[in-house]
Protein backbone atom coordinates (compact mmCIF):
# COMPACT_ATOMS: atom_id res chain seq x y z
CA MET A 1 -35.45 27.18 9.57
CA GLU A 2 -37.35 27.90 6.75
CA ALA A 3 -40.18 25.21 6.54
CA ILE A 4 -39.16 22.88 3.60
CA CYS A 5 -42.82 22.51 1.54
CA LYS A 6 -43.22 20.61 -1.47
CA ALA A 7 -45.46 22.99 -3.43
CA LYS A 8 -43.24 26.01 -2.61
CA ILE A 9 -40.37 23.76 -4.43
CA ILE A 10 -42.19 22.92 -7.53
CA GLU A 11 -43.22 26.57 -7.81
CA GLU A 12 -40.07 28.09 -7.30
CA PHE A 13 -38.69 25.92 -10.52
CA LEU A 14 -41.86 25.75 -12.46
CA GLY A 15 -44.49 27.82 -11.68
CA ARG A 16 -47.43 28.81 -10.00
CA GLU A 17 -49.58 26.75 -11.83
CA ALA A 18 -47.42 23.41 -11.50
CA ARG A 19 -47.83 23.52 -7.85
CA TRP A 20 -51.55 21.63 -7.82
CA ASN A 21 -50.47 18.88 -10.29
CA PHE A 22 -48.35 16.91 -7.67
CA PRO A 23 -48.39 13.97 -6.62
CA GLY A 24 -47.33 12.44 -9.71
CA LEU A 25 -45.85 15.38 -11.27
CA THR A 26 -42.42 14.19 -13.47
CA ASP A 27 -39.59 15.88 -15.04
CA SER A 28 -38.88 14.04 -17.61
CA HIS A 29 -40.58 16.44 -20.05
CA TYR A 30 -38.38 19.75 -19.00
CA TYR A 31 -35.43 18.35 -20.54
CA GLN A 32 -36.08 17.10 -24.17
CA ASN A 33 -34.38 18.68 -26.99
CA LEU A 34 -31.24 20.16 -25.22
CA PRO A 35 -27.88 20.66 -26.64
CA SER A 36 -25.12 18.14 -25.80
CA ALA A 37 -21.70 19.43 -24.25
CA PRO A 38 -19.83 20.97 -26.71
CA VAL A 39 -16.10 18.80 -27.44
CA ASP A 40 -12.80 20.28 -28.48
CA ILE A 41 -11.87 17.98 -30.74
CA THR A 42 -11.05 18.19 -34.45
CA LEU A 43 -13.01 15.31 -36.68
CA PRO A 44 -12.15 12.97 -38.33
CA TYR A 45 -9.40 11.80 -35.78
CA ARG A 46 -7.47 8.88 -36.63
CA ALA A 47 -4.54 7.80 -34.30
CA GLU A 48 -0.71 7.33 -36.30
CA GLY A 49 0.14 4.01 -37.66
CA ASN A 50 -0.98 0.91 -39.56
CA PHE A 51 -3.90 -0.75 -38.55
CA ASP A 52 -3.92 -4.84 -39.41
CA PRO A 53 -7.42 -5.43 -39.57
CA PRO A 54 -7.91 -2.13 -41.05
CA LEU A 55 -9.85 0.36 -39.42
CA PRO A 56 -13.42 -0.38 -39.61
CA THR A 57 -15.73 2.01 -42.03
CA PRO A 58 -19.59 2.48 -41.42
CA LYS A 59 -20.66 0.16 -43.67
CA ASP A 60 -18.70 -2.55 -41.60
CA ILE A 61 -20.01 -1.47 -38.46
CA ALA A 62 -23.40 -1.61 -39.83
CA ASN A 63 -22.85 -5.13 -41.09
CA ALA A 64 -21.47 -6.06 -37.74
CA ARG A 65 -25.35 -5.34 -35.77
CA THR A 66 -26.71 -9.17 -36.31
CA THR A 67 -23.47 -10.60 -34.41
CA ALA A 68 -22.79 -7.47 -32.28
CA HIS A 69 -24.65 -8.72 -28.93
CA ASP A 70 -22.39 -11.56 -27.94
CA SER A 71 -21.72 -12.21 -24.32
CA GLU A 72 -18.44 -10.26 -24.07
CA ILE A 73 -20.48 -6.89 -25.58
CA PRO A 74 -24.09 -6.93 -23.48
CA ARG A 75 -24.65 -3.22 -24.72
CA PRO A 76 -26.81 -1.67 -27.51
CA ASN A 77 -24.71 0.80 -29.52
CA VAL A 78 -21.52 -1.06 -28.73
CA TYR A 79 -19.77 -3.67 -31.45
CA LYS A 80 -17.18 -5.54 -31.70
CA VAL A 81 -15.89 -5.61 -35.20
CA PHE A 82 -13.32 -8.14 -36.64
CA ASP A 83 -12.98 -9.30 -33.08
CA THR A 84 -10.23 -6.61 -32.66
CA TYR A 85 -12.25 -3.09 -32.11
CA ILE A 86 -14.88 -2.11 -30.21
CA VAL A 87 -17.12 0.66 -31.76
CA LYS A 88 -19.74 2.62 -30.02
CA PHE A 89 -22.18 4.86 -32.09
CA SER A 90 -24.45 7.10 -31.16
CA SER A 91 -26.56 10.18 -32.99
CA GLY A 92 -25.93 12.16 -29.79
CA GLY A 93 -22.81 13.93 -28.34
CA SER A 94 -22.16 11.51 -25.69
CA ILE A 95 -19.79 9.20 -27.75
CA LEU A 96 -17.65 12.66 -29.00
CA GLN A 97 -17.50 13.72 -24.99
CA GLU A 98 -16.25 10.14 -24.24
CA ALA A 99 -13.57 10.36 -26.97
CA GLU A 100 -12.26 13.84 -25.86
CA ASN A 101 -11.80 12.20 -22.45
CA LEU A 102 -10.13 9.32 -23.55
CA LEU A 103 -7.74 11.63 -25.92
CA PHE A 104 -7.24 13.74 -22.85
CA LEU A 105 -6.75 10.92 -20.65
CA GLU A 106 -3.94 9.29 -23.10
CA LYS A 107 -1.96 12.54 -23.35
CA ASN A 108 -2.52 13.35 -19.60
CA SER A 109 -2.29 10.20 -17.12
CA ARG A 110 -0.95 7.14 -16.50
CA VAL A 111 -4.31 5.72 -16.37
CA ARG A 112 -4.84 2.01 -18.48
CA THR A 113 -7.58 3.09 -21.25
CA PRO A 114 -8.71 1.92 -23.91
CA LYS A 115 -6.45 3.11 -26.95
CA VAL A 116 -8.11 5.33 -29.47
CA TYR A 117 -8.19 4.43 -33.10
CA ALA A 118 -10.78 6.84 -34.65
CA VAL A 119 -13.45 9.07 -34.00
CA PHE A 120 -15.76 10.55 -36.87
CA SER A 121 -19.43 11.01 -38.04
CA HIS A 122 -21.41 9.40 -41.31
CA GLN A 123 -24.45 10.18 -42.32
CA GLY A 124 -26.32 7.14 -44.41
CA GLU A 125 -25.40 4.17 -42.74
CA ASP A 126 -27.96 2.55 -40.12
CA PRO A 127 -25.72 1.06 -37.51
CA SER A 128 -28.58 0.76 -34.89
CA GLY A 129 -31.23 -1.14 -37.47
CA LEU A 130 -33.64 1.60 -36.74
CA TYR A 131 -34.12 3.13 -40.00
CA GLN A 132 -34.21 0.27 -42.80
CA ASP A 133 -37.33 2.05 -44.20
CA GLN A 134 -35.97 5.51 -44.69
CA ALA A 135 -33.96 6.77 -47.35
CA ARG A 136 -30.18 6.94 -46.63
CA GLU A 137 -30.19 11.01 -47.28
CA THR A 138 -32.71 11.08 -44.44
CA ARG A 139 -31.40 8.88 -41.95
CA PRO A 140 -29.51 11.03 -38.87
CA THR A 141 -25.65 11.44 -38.62
CA TYR A 142 -23.76 8.83 -36.08
CA HIS A 143 -20.64 9.54 -34.21
CA TYR A 144 -18.26 6.89 -34.08
CA LEU A 145 -16.19 5.62 -31.47
CA VAL A 146 -13.07 3.25 -32.64
CA MET A 147 -11.21 1.65 -29.73
CA GLU A 148 -9.18 -0.82 -28.63
CA PHE A 149 -10.96 -4.41 -28.17
CA ILE A 150 -10.12 -5.30 -24.52
CA PRO A 151 -11.18 -8.77 -23.72
CA GLY A 152 -11.63 -10.20 -20.20
CA PRO A 153 -14.93 -10.60 -18.00
CA LYS A 154 -16.55 -7.28 -16.11
CA LEU A 155 -15.82 -7.47 -12.48
CA SER A 156 -19.06 -8.57 -10.59
CA ARG A 157 -20.29 -8.95 -7.35
CA GLU A 158 -20.06 -12.87 -8.31
CA LEU A 159 -16.64 -12.76 -9.51
CA PHE A 160 -15.55 -10.98 -6.72
CA CYS A 161 -17.54 -12.89 -3.67
CA ASN A 162 -16.57 -16.12 -5.57
CA SER A 163 -12.58 -15.34 -5.73
CA SER A 164 -9.81 -16.16 -3.15
CA PRO A 165 -8.92 -13.61 -0.41
CA ASP A 166 -5.79 -13.48 -2.38
CA VAL A 167 -7.21 -12.78 -5.86
CA LYS A 168 -9.85 -10.05 -4.33
CA GLN A 169 -6.84 -7.73 -2.75
CA ARG A 170 -4.93 -8.10 -5.98
CA ILE A 171 -7.91 -7.02 -7.96
CA CYS A 172 -8.56 -4.29 -5.54
CA GLU A 173 -5.22 -3.49 -5.50
CA SER A 174 -5.50 -2.92 -9.13
CA LEU A 175 -8.63 -1.20 -9.36
CA ALA A 176 -7.26 1.72 -6.31
CA GLU A 177 -3.70 2.33 -8.17
CA GLN A 178 -5.82 3.09 -11.65
CA LEU A 179 -7.81 5.80 -9.48
CA LYS A 180 -4.55 6.59 -7.74
CA ARG A 181 -3.29 7.91 -11.23
CA LEU A 182 -6.49 9.31 -12.10
CA ARG A 183 -6.22 11.37 -9.04
CA GLU A 184 -3.20 12.47 -8.97
CA VAL A 185 -3.18 14.50 -12.31
CA GLN A 186 -2.93 18.09 -11.10
CA LEU A 187 -3.20 20.64 -13.83
CA GLY A 188 -3.67 23.65 -11.84
CA ILE A 189 -7.60 23.36 -12.56
CA ASP A 190 -9.53 26.00 -11.00
CA PHE A 191 -13.30 25.04 -11.68
CA TYR A 192 -15.59 22.27 -11.64
CA GLY A 193 -16.50 21.04 -15.09
CA ARG A 194 -15.67 18.81 -17.72
CA VAL A 195 -12.33 18.43 -19.23
CA ASN A 196 -12.45 20.97 -21.77
CA ARG A 197 -13.95 23.70 -18.93
CA THR A 198 -17.57 23.10 -20.16
CA GLY A 199 -20.25 21.99 -18.27
CA TRP A 200 -22.22 18.11 -18.71
CA ASP A 201 -25.22 17.68 -20.37
CA TYR A 202 -28.50 17.90 -18.53
CA HIS A 203 -28.91 14.54 -17.60
CA LEU A 204 -26.48 14.50 -14.61
CA ASN A 205 -29.10 13.94 -11.61
CA MET A 206 -26.21 15.56 -9.66
CA PHE A 207 -27.04 19.03 -10.70
CA THR A 208 -29.80 18.96 -13.30
CA CYS A 209 -32.56 21.62 -13.02
CA PRO A 210 -35.31 22.81 -15.45
CA GLY A 211 -33.57 26.30 -17.02
CA LYS A 212 -30.27 25.08 -17.66
CA ASP A 213 -29.16 23.29 -21.17
CA LEU A 214 -25.77 21.95 -19.21
CA CYS A 215 -24.03 21.07 -15.66
CA GLY A 216 -21.48 23.49 -15.30
CA PRO A 217 -18.95 24.66 -15.45
CA TYR A 218 -18.87 25.97 -11.99
CA GLU A 219 -16.34 28.68 -11.03
CA SER A 220 -16.26 28.26 -7.16
CA TYR A 221 -17.44 25.61 -4.85
CA GLU A 222 -19.91 27.76 -3.53
CA ASP A 223 -21.87 27.75 -7.40
CA LEU A 224 -21.51 23.46 -7.15
CA VAL A 225 -22.88 23.61 -3.97
CA ASN A 226 -25.87 25.61 -4.91
CA ALA A 227 -26.66 23.52 -8.34
CA MET A 228 -26.09 20.74 -6.36
CA VAL A 229 -28.77 21.61 -3.51
CA ASP A 230 -31.51 22.84 -6.42
CA SER A 231 -31.48 20.10 -8.27
CA ALA A 232 -32.08 17.92 -4.71
CA ARG A 233 -34.68 19.84 -3.75
CA PHE A 234 -36.32 19.75 -7.68
CA HIS A 235 -35.84 16.09 -7.67
CA ALA A 236 -37.10 15.35 -4.44
CA ALA A 237 -40.17 17.51 -5.20
CA THR A 238 -41.32 16.14 -8.33
CA GLY A 239 -39.97 12.70 -7.77
CA LEU A 240 -41.76 11.17 -4.76
CA TYR A 241 -45.49 10.40 -4.97
CA SER A 242 -47.19 12.00 -1.92
CA GLU A 243 -48.37 15.44 -1.24
CA GLU A 244 -45.61 16.31 0.99
CA PHE A 245 -42.16 15.38 2.20
CA ASP A 246 -41.83 12.91 5.48
CA SER A 247 -39.86 13.83 8.17
CA GLY A 248 -36.52 11.89 6.90
CA THR A 249 -36.68 13.71 3.82
CA LYS A 250 -36.75 17.05 5.59
CA LEU A 251 -33.91 16.52 7.39
CA ILE A 252 -31.86 15.41 4.51
CA LEU A 253 -33.18 18.80 2.33
CA ALA A 254 -32.08 20.90 5.73
CA ASN A 255 -28.70 19.66 6.51
CA LEU A 256 -27.73 18.96 2.57
CA LYS A 257 -26.13 22.47 2.11
CA PRO A 258 -24.58 22.79 5.21
CA SER A 259 -22.88 19.22 5.03
CA LEU A 260 -21.52 20.43 1.64
CA GLN A 261 -20.46 23.94 3.05
CA ALA A 262 -18.46 22.02 5.78
CA ALA A 263 -15.81 20.29 3.25
CA THR A 264 -12.07 21.51 3.91
CA GLU A 265 -9.98 22.96 1.25
CA GLU A 266 -8.55 19.56 0.62
CA ASP A 267 -11.89 18.26 0.12
CA ARG A 268 -13.00 21.11 -2.41
CA LEU A 269 -9.96 20.28 -4.63
CA PRO A 270 -11.17 20.34 -8.44
CA THR A 271 -9.96 16.30 -8.92
CA LEU A 272 -10.56 14.23 -12.15
CA THR A 273 -13.79 11.77 -11.52
CA HIS A 274 -14.53 8.91 -13.29
CA LEU A 275 -18.37 9.38 -11.79
CA ASN A 276 -19.70 6.02 -13.04
CA LEU A 277 -17.84 3.32 -11.39
CA GLN A 278 -20.20 0.41 -11.95
CA PHE A 279 -19.62 -3.05 -11.73
CA HIS A 280 -20.24 -3.58 -15.45
CA ASN A 281 -17.52 -0.33 -16.12
CA ILE A 282 -14.49 -2.81 -14.53
CA ILE A 283 -12.75 -5.11 -16.58
CA VAL A 284 -10.77 -7.70 -14.91
CA GLN A 285 -7.71 -9.29 -16.48
CA GLN A 286 -5.55 -12.27 -15.44
CA LYS A 287 -1.93 -12.13 -16.35
CA GLY A 288 -0.15 -15.01 -14.38
CA GLU A 289 -0.71 -14.34 -11.08
CA ASP A 290 -1.32 -10.75 -11.20
CA TYR A 291 -4.72 -9.48 -11.72
CA ASP A 292 -5.03 -6.10 -14.08
CA VAL A 293 -7.90 -3.71 -14.06
CA ILE A 294 -9.00 -1.86 -16.96
CA ILE A 295 -11.85 0.95 -16.20
CA MET A 296 -14.11 1.21 -19.07
CA ASN A 297 -16.94 4.05 -19.92
CA TRP A 298 -15.27 7.67 -19.65
CA ARG A 299 -18.16 9.56 -20.54
CA HIS A 300 -18.45 11.44 -17.79
CA LEU A 301 -15.09 12.20 -16.72
CA GLY A 302 -14.92 15.58 -15.21
CA TRP A 303 -12.84 17.70 -12.40
CA LEU A 304 -15.19 17.71 -8.89
CA PRO A 305 -14.63 18.08 -5.74
CA ALA A 306 -12.29 15.67 -4.15
CA TRP A 307 -15.00 13.45 -1.98
CA VAL A 308 -17.13 12.90 -5.19
CA GLU A 309 -15.83 9.61 -6.26
CA ALA A 310 -15.88 8.30 -2.78
CA VAL A 311 -19.55 8.86 -3.26
CA THR A 312 -19.66 6.69 -6.20
CA VAL A 313 -17.89 3.92 -4.88
CA LEU A 314 -20.12 3.80 -2.16
CA MET A 315 -23.22 3.80 -3.96
CA CYS A 316 -21.69 1.62 -6.90
CA LEU A 317 -19.48 -1.30 -5.60
CA SER A 318 -21.44 -2.24 -2.64
CA ILE A 319 -22.35 -6.05 -2.14
CA GLN A 320 -25.13 -7.04 0.19
CA SER A 321 -22.88 -9.33 2.31
CA TRP A 322 -21.49 -6.60 4.55
CA GLU A 323 -18.03 -8.30 4.98
CA GLU A 324 -17.89 -8.60 1.56
CA LYS A 325 -19.02 -5.14 0.60
CA GLY A 326 -15.94 -4.22 3.34
CA ASN A 327 -13.60 -5.92 1.67
CA LEU A 328 -14.14 -4.68 -1.92
CA GLN A 329 -14.70 -0.84 -0.54
CA TRP A 330 -11.27 -0.65 1.79
CA GLY A 331 -9.50 -2.19 -1.10
CA VAL A 332 -10.57 0.64 -3.59
CA PHE A 333 -10.09 3.27 -1.00
CA GLN A 334 -6.58 2.26 -0.70
CA GLY A 335 -6.50 4.56 -4.19
CA PHE A 336 -7.17 8.19 -2.53
CA GLN A 337 -6.73 8.11 1.20
CA PRO A 338 -7.76 9.97 3.21
CA PHE A 339 -11.28 11.67 2.34
CA ASN A 340 -13.73 12.81 3.97
CA LEU A 341 -16.16 9.68 4.85
CA ALA A 342 -18.91 11.23 6.44
CA LEU A 343 -19.58 13.32 3.73
CA ALA A 344 -18.96 11.15 1.42
CA GLN A 345 -21.38 8.56 3.01
CA PHE A 346 -23.93 11.11 4.01
CA ILE A 347 -24.12 11.95 0.21
CA ALA A 348 -24.55 8.22 -0.93
CA ASP A 349 -27.19 7.89 1.80
CA CYS A 350 -29.32 10.91 0.18
CA LYS A 351 -30.20 8.84 -2.69
CA GLY A 352 -32.92 6.57 -1.38
CA LEU A 353 -34.36 9.33 0.83
CA LEU A 354 -34.50 12.02 -1.93
CA ALA A 355 -35.91 9.41 -4.65
CA TYR A 356 -33.19 9.74 -7.21
CA PRO A 357 -29.62 9.55 -7.09
CA LEU A 358 -27.17 12.44 -7.20
CA LEU A 359 -24.83 11.03 -9.02
């Protein structure tokens, strides 16, 4: 077996001189000023129909900044406007990518997503409040995504653990149903990538490596596996603050590619994947005795092997209590049974040993 040497991996990706600059070598400066993934959406976009209140203007959105951070919207660059709309904005391309993904789901799936009302770009206003001292003509252009406001608490470990067994079951059933609807979208896809057959932005750790502007698209499973392995090797070499790998890391790096290649044809099937099933990206709505679950934050949506979403569940929907974690994950996994649990668990376990999240 080829020796797994940290210095050789760093030299492979960054050159011979860089191999002497660790421990402490970081990779953040290799990913600056790279382009965002392209989108296929015509701007401005406006949904059909009449709106009451009217859709917010850039000025309305900027004016919402002083009252934006209430308990329902505890995130920067996400404002509730007129108590009716949620507006996400950014000077980067992530907002346009999420808008494209949501419109794709509206057209091609039965998944319950926030309705997209408008998508547009505008230069002059300062919704972030970072450029108040600059002239309007010198401020950055912002992209805006105006959506339906969906009330309800975010799913949390506390909410789940403090619920009755019946409520836990209903929450799991609703979330499983949404994932089932996502995974049942079959369009004869023969690649791995974003919905418009492009790659993801460079920051997707699963595939990130120096010298590549975008992560994908990958035309074959072998291409995807090679990208995952390169990313894992590079991040392990630059992110672990020691002069050499320990035995556990070597074991993971030696077995990562064979484990991924052992996937069956069913495991490899390009499947629509949310890729960010964090608790805070899930809203729970009680309707009488029923519970609806709405998944938010669709920026990373794309076609990935069928086993990948199972990894996100294992990594993101975890609870310290073994019993409660089992209740939640077992319930959610009903949305995509059967799946390759051994492969999904192996990849989830790589997170700690390689010092960075694969997903």
